Amino acid sequence: MMKVDYDRALYYTYRSEWDNLLILMVRTADNFLAKKIEHFLHAYNFEKDYSIVEKKLYSLLRYIDHANTQIENRTFDKQQPLYVLK
């Protein structure tokens, strides 16, 4: 389940499907992914300085890459979110 979230986030970002990315942000169980998406979308919509938007985009993409790497290295039956804040 969680790997699908990261794949979708990457796909929606690549295709510039911001509405779907927003929906994914609300539905994902990974709080860090949701926060990275939130920061990127906020910067994309409200920042005038493109370097900040670029920084937030790269931060999101680095996290997606990190999460996918962690999932590939794990071997377990029940997939759980990498990080859940309580």
N, C-alpha and C. Protein backbone atom coordinates (compact mmCIF):
# COMPACT_ATOMS: atom_id res chain seq x y z
N MET A 1 0.82 -1.20 0.00
CA MET A 1 0.00 0.00 0.00
C MET A 1 0.86 1.26 0.00
N MET A 2 1.86 1.31 0.84
CA MET A 2 2.64 2.53 0.95
C MET A 2 3.50 2.78 -0.28
N LYS A 3 4.06 1.72 -0.86
CA LYS A 3 4.88 1.92 -2.07
C LYS A 3 4.06 2.57 -3.16
N VAL A 4 2.79 2.24 -3.22
CA VAL A 4 1.90 2.85 -4.21
C VAL A 4 1.80 4.35 -3.98
N ASP A 5 1.77 4.77 -2.73
CA ASP A 5 1.72 6.21 -2.42
C ASP A 5 2.94 6.94 -2.97
N TYR A 6 4.11 6.35 -2.80
CA TYR A 6 5.33 7.00 -3.27
C TYR A 6 5.38 7.01 -4.80
N ASP A 7 4.95 5.92 -5.40
CA ASP A 7 4.90 5.88 -6.86
C ASP A 7 3.91 6.90 -7.41
N ARG A 8 2.77 7.01 -6.76
CA ARG A 8 1.78 8.00 -7.19
C ARG A 8 2.30 9.42 -7.02
N ALA A 9 2.95 9.67 -5.90
CA ALA A 9 3.50 11.02 -5.67
C ALA A 9 4.51 11.37 -6.75
N LEU A 10 5.36 10.42 -7.10
CA LEU A 10 6.33 10.67 -8.16
C LEU A 10 5.64 10.90 -9.50
N TYR A 11 4.65 10.08 -9.80
CA TYR A 11 3.93 10.20 -11.07
C TYR A 11 3.18 11.53 -11.16
N TYR A 12 2.46 11.89 -10.10
CA TYR A 12 1.69 13.13 -10.12
C TYR A 12 2.61 14.35 -10.20
N THR A 13 3.76 14.27 -9.55
CA THR A 13 4.71 15.38 -9.62
C THR A 13 5.27 15.50 -11.03
N TYR A 14 5.63 14.37 -11.62
CA TYR A 14 6.18 14.37 -12.98
C TYR A 14 5.18 14.91 -13.99
N ARG A 15 3.90 14.55 -13.82
CA ARG A 15 2.85 14.95 -14.76
C ARG A 15 2.21 16.30 -14.40
N SER A 16 2.67 16.92 -13.33
CA SER A 16 2.12 18.20 -12.84
C SER A 16 0.63 18.10 -12.56
N GLU A 17 0.22 17.00 -11.96
CA GLU A 17 -1.18 16.80 -11.58
C GLU A 17 -1.33 17.20 -10.12
N TRP A 18 -1.40 18.51 -9.90
CA TRP A 18 -1.39 19.03 -8.54
C TRP A 18 -2.65 18.67 -7.76
N ASP A 19 -3.79 18.58 -8.42
CA ASP A 19 -5.03 18.19 -7.72
C ASP A 19 -4.91 16.78 -7.17
N ASN A 20 -4.40 15.87 -7.97
CA ASN A 20 -4.23 14.49 -7.51
C ASN A 20 -3.16 14.40 -6.42
N LEU A 21 -2.13 15.23 -6.52
CA LEU A 21 -1.10 15.25 -5.49
C LEU A 21 -1.68 15.74 -4.16
N LEU A 22 -2.57 16.71 -4.23
CA LEU A 22 -3.24 17.21 -3.03
C LEU A 22 -4.12 16.13 -2.40
N ILE A 23 -4.84 15.39 -3.22
CA ILE A 23 -5.67 14.29 -2.71
C ILE A 23 -4.80 13.23 -2.06
N LEU A 24 -3.67 12.91 -2.69
CA LEU A 24 -2.75 11.94 -2.12
C LEU A 24 -2.21 12.43 -0.78
N MET A 25 -1.92 13.72 -0.68
CA MET A 25 -1.43 14.30 0.56
C MET A 25 -2.42 14.05 1.70
N VAL A 26 -3.70 14.18 1.42
CA VAL A 26 -4.71 14.00 2.45
C VAL A 26 -4.89 12.53 2.81
N ARG A 27 -4.77 11.65 1.85
CA ARG A 27 -5.08 10.23 2.06
C ARG A 27 -3.92 9.38 2.55
N THR A 28 -2.69 9.81 2.36
CA THR A 28 -1.56 8.96 2.72
C THR A 28 -1.43 8.81 4.24
N ALA A 29 -0.91 7.67 4.65
CA ALA A 29 -0.68 7.43 6.07
C ALA A 29 0.71 7.91 6.50
N ASP A 30 1.57 8.23 5.55
CA ASP A 30 2.92 8.69 5.84
C ASP A 30 2.88 10.21 6.06
N ASN A 31 3.05 10.61 7.30
CA ASN A 31 2.96 12.03 7.64
C ASN A 31 4.08 12.86 7.03
N PHE A 32 5.28 12.28 6.91
CA PHE A 32 6.38 13.03 6.29
C PHE A 32 6.11 13.28 4.82
N LEU A 33 5.58 12.28 4.13
CA LEU A 33 5.24 12.46 2.72
C LEU A 33 4.19 13.55 2.57
N ALA A 34 3.17 13.51 3.42
CA ALA A 34 2.12 14.53 3.37
C ALA A 34 2.69 15.92 3.61
N LYS A 35 3.61 16.04 4.56
CA LYS A 35 4.20 17.34 4.87
C LYS A 35 5.09 17.84 3.72
N LYS A 36 5.84 16.94 3.10
CA LYS A 36 6.68 17.33 1.96
C LYS A 36 5.81 17.80 0.79
N ILE A 37 4.71 17.09 0.55
CA ILE A 37 3.79 17.49 -0.52
C ILE A 37 3.19 18.86 -0.19
N GLU A 38 2.77 19.03 1.06
CA GLU A 38 2.18 20.31 1.47
C GLU A 38 3.15 21.47 1.26
N HIS A 39 4.39 21.29 1.67
CA HIS A 39 5.38 22.36 1.52
C HIS A 39 5.63 22.68 0.05
N PHE A 40 5.71 21.64 -0.78
CA PHE A 40 5.93 21.87 -2.20
C PHE A 40 4.75 22.60 -2.84
N LEU A 41 3.54 22.13 -2.58
CA LEU A 41 2.37 22.75 -3.20
C LEU A 41 2.21 24.20 -2.74
N HIS A 42 2.50 24.46 -1.48
CA HIS A 42 2.42 25.84 -0.98
C HIS A 42 3.44 26.72 -1.70
N ALA A 43 4.65 26.23 -1.81
CA ALA A 43 5.68 27.01 -2.51
C ALA A 43 5.32 27.20 -3.98
N TYR A 44 4.81 26.17 -4.61
CA TYR A 44 4.46 26.25 -6.03
C TYR A 44 3.38 27.31 -6.28
N ASN A 45 2.42 27.38 -5.37
CA ASN A 45 1.30 28.30 -5.56
C ASN A 45 1.57 29.72 -5.08
N PHE A 46 2.43 29.91 -4.09
CA PHE A 46 2.54 31.22 -3.47
C PHE A 46 3.91 31.87 -3.53
N GLU A 47 4.96 31.12 -3.79
CA GLU A 47 6.30 31.70 -3.82
C GLU A 47 6.59 32.38 -5.15
N LYS A 48 7.19 33.53 -5.07
CA LYS A 48 7.59 34.23 -6.29
C LYS A 48 9.02 33.87 -6.69
N ASP A 49 9.78 33.41 -5.73
CA ASP A 49 11.17 33.03 -5.97
C ASP A 49 11.23 31.56 -6.41
N TYR A 50 11.62 31.33 -7.65
CA TYR A 50 11.62 29.98 -8.20
C TYR A 50 12.61 29.07 -7.48
N SER A 51 13.68 29.63 -6.92
CA SER A 51 14.67 28.78 -6.24
C SER A 51 14.06 28.10 -5.02
N ILE A 52 13.12 28.75 -4.36
CA ILE A 52 12.44 28.13 -3.22
C ILE A 52 11.54 26.99 -3.69
N VAL A 53 10.83 27.21 -4.78
CA VAL A 53 9.98 26.15 -5.35
C VAL A 53 10.85 24.96 -5.74
N GLU A 54 11.97 25.24 -6.37
CA GLU A 54 12.89 24.18 -6.79
C GLU A 54 13.42 23.42 -5.58
N LYS A 55 13.75 24.13 -4.52
CA LYS A 55 14.26 23.51 -3.29
C LYS A 55 13.21 22.58 -2.69
N LYS A 56 11.97 23.02 -2.64
CA LYS A 56 10.89 22.19 -2.08
C LYS A 56 10.61 20.97 -2.97
N LEU A 57 10.69 21.17 -4.29
CA LEU A 57 10.49 20.05 -5.21
C LEU A 57 11.58 19.01 -5.01
N TYR A 58 12.83 19.43 -4.95
CA TYR A 58 13.93 18.48 -4.75
C TYR A 58 13.83 17.79 -3.40
N SER A 59 13.37 18.50 -2.40
CA SER A 59 13.18 17.89 -1.09
C SER A 59 12.13 16.78 -1.16
N LEU A 60 11.03 17.03 -1.85
CA LEU A 60 9.98 16.02 -2.04
C LEU A 60 10.53 14.83 -2.81
N LEU A 61 11.23 15.08 -3.89
CA LEU A 61 11.76 13.99 -4.72
C LEU A 61 12.80 13.16 -3.96
N ARG A 62 13.65 13.82 -3.16
CA ARG A 62 14.63 13.09 -2.36
C ARG A 62 13.94 12.19 -1.35
N TYR A 63 12.88 12.70 -0.72
CA TYR A 63 12.17 11.88 0.26
C TYR A 63 11.50 10.68 -0.42
N ILE A 64 10.89 10.89 -1.58
CA ILE A 64 10.26 9.77 -2.30
C ILE A 64 11.31 8.72 -2.64
N ASP A 65 12.48 9.16 -3.11
CA ASP A 65 13.56 8.22 -3.43
C ASP A 65 14.02 7.48 -2.18
N HIS A 66 14.19 8.20 -1.09
CA HIS A 66 14.60 7.58 0.18
C HIS A 66 13.57 6.54 0.64
N ALA A 67 12.31 6.90 0.59
CA ALA A 67 11.26 5.98 1.05
C ALA A 67 11.19 4.73 0.17
N ASN A 68 11.30 4.90 -1.14
CA ASN A 68 11.29 3.74 -2.03
C ASN A 68 12.49 2.84 -1.77
N THR A 69 13.64 3.42 -1.49
CA THR A 69 14.83 2.63 -1.18
C THR A 69 14.63 1.85 0.11
N GLN A 70 14.05 2.49 1.11
CA GLN A 70 13.81 1.82 2.39
C GLN A 70 12.83 0.66 2.24
N ILE A 71 11.82 0.85 1.43
CA ILE A 71 10.83 -0.21 1.22
C ILE A 71 11.45 -1.38 0.48
N GLU A 72 12.28 -1.11 -0.51
CA GLU A 72 12.93 -2.18 -1.26
C GLU A 72 13.88 -2.98 -0.38
N ASN A 73 14.49 -2.35 0.60
CA ASN A 73 15.43 -3.03 1.48
C ASN A 73 14.75 -3.82 2.58
N ARG A 74 13.51 -3.53 2.85
CA ARG A 74 12.78 -4.23 3.91
C ARG A 74 12.14 -5.49 3.36
N THR A 75 12.03 -6.48 4.21
CA THR A 75 11.29 -7.69 3.84
C THR A 75 10.27 -7.96 4.94
N PHE A 76 9.05 -7.66 4.67
CA PHE A 76 7.97 -7.94 5.60
C PHE A 76 6.68 -8.08 4.82
N ASP A 77 5.73 -8.76 5.43
CA ASP A 77 4.47 -9.04 4.75
C ASP A 77 3.54 -7.84 4.79
N LYS A 78 3.35 -7.28 5.95
CA LYS A 78 2.42 -6.17 6.09
C LYS A 78 3.17 -4.86 5.93
N GLN A 79 2.86 -4.12 4.88
CA GLN A 79 3.54 -2.85 4.67
C GLN A 79 2.95 -1.81 5.60
N GLN A 80 3.84 -1.08 6.23
CA GLN A 80 3.45 -0.03 7.15
C GLN A 80 4.12 1.26 6.70
N PRO A 81 3.57 2.40 7.08
CA PRO A 81 4.23 3.65 6.72
C PRO A 81 5.61 3.72 7.38
N LEU A 82 6.54 4.37 6.70
CA LEU A 82 7.88 4.49 7.26
C LEU A 82 7.89 5.35 8.51
N TYR A 83 7.12 6.43 8.49
CA TYR A 83 7.09 7.34 9.62
C TYR A 83 5.65 7.75 9.89
N VAL A 84 5.24 7.61 11.13
CA VAL A 84 3.93 8.08 11.54
C VAL A 84 4.12 8.87 12.82
N LEU A 85 3.73 10.11 12.79
CA LEU A 85 3.84 10.95 13.98
C LEU A 85 2.61 10.75 14.84
N LYS A 86 2.83 10.58 16.12
CA LYS A 86 1.69 10.37 17.02
C LYS A 86 1.58 11.51 17.98
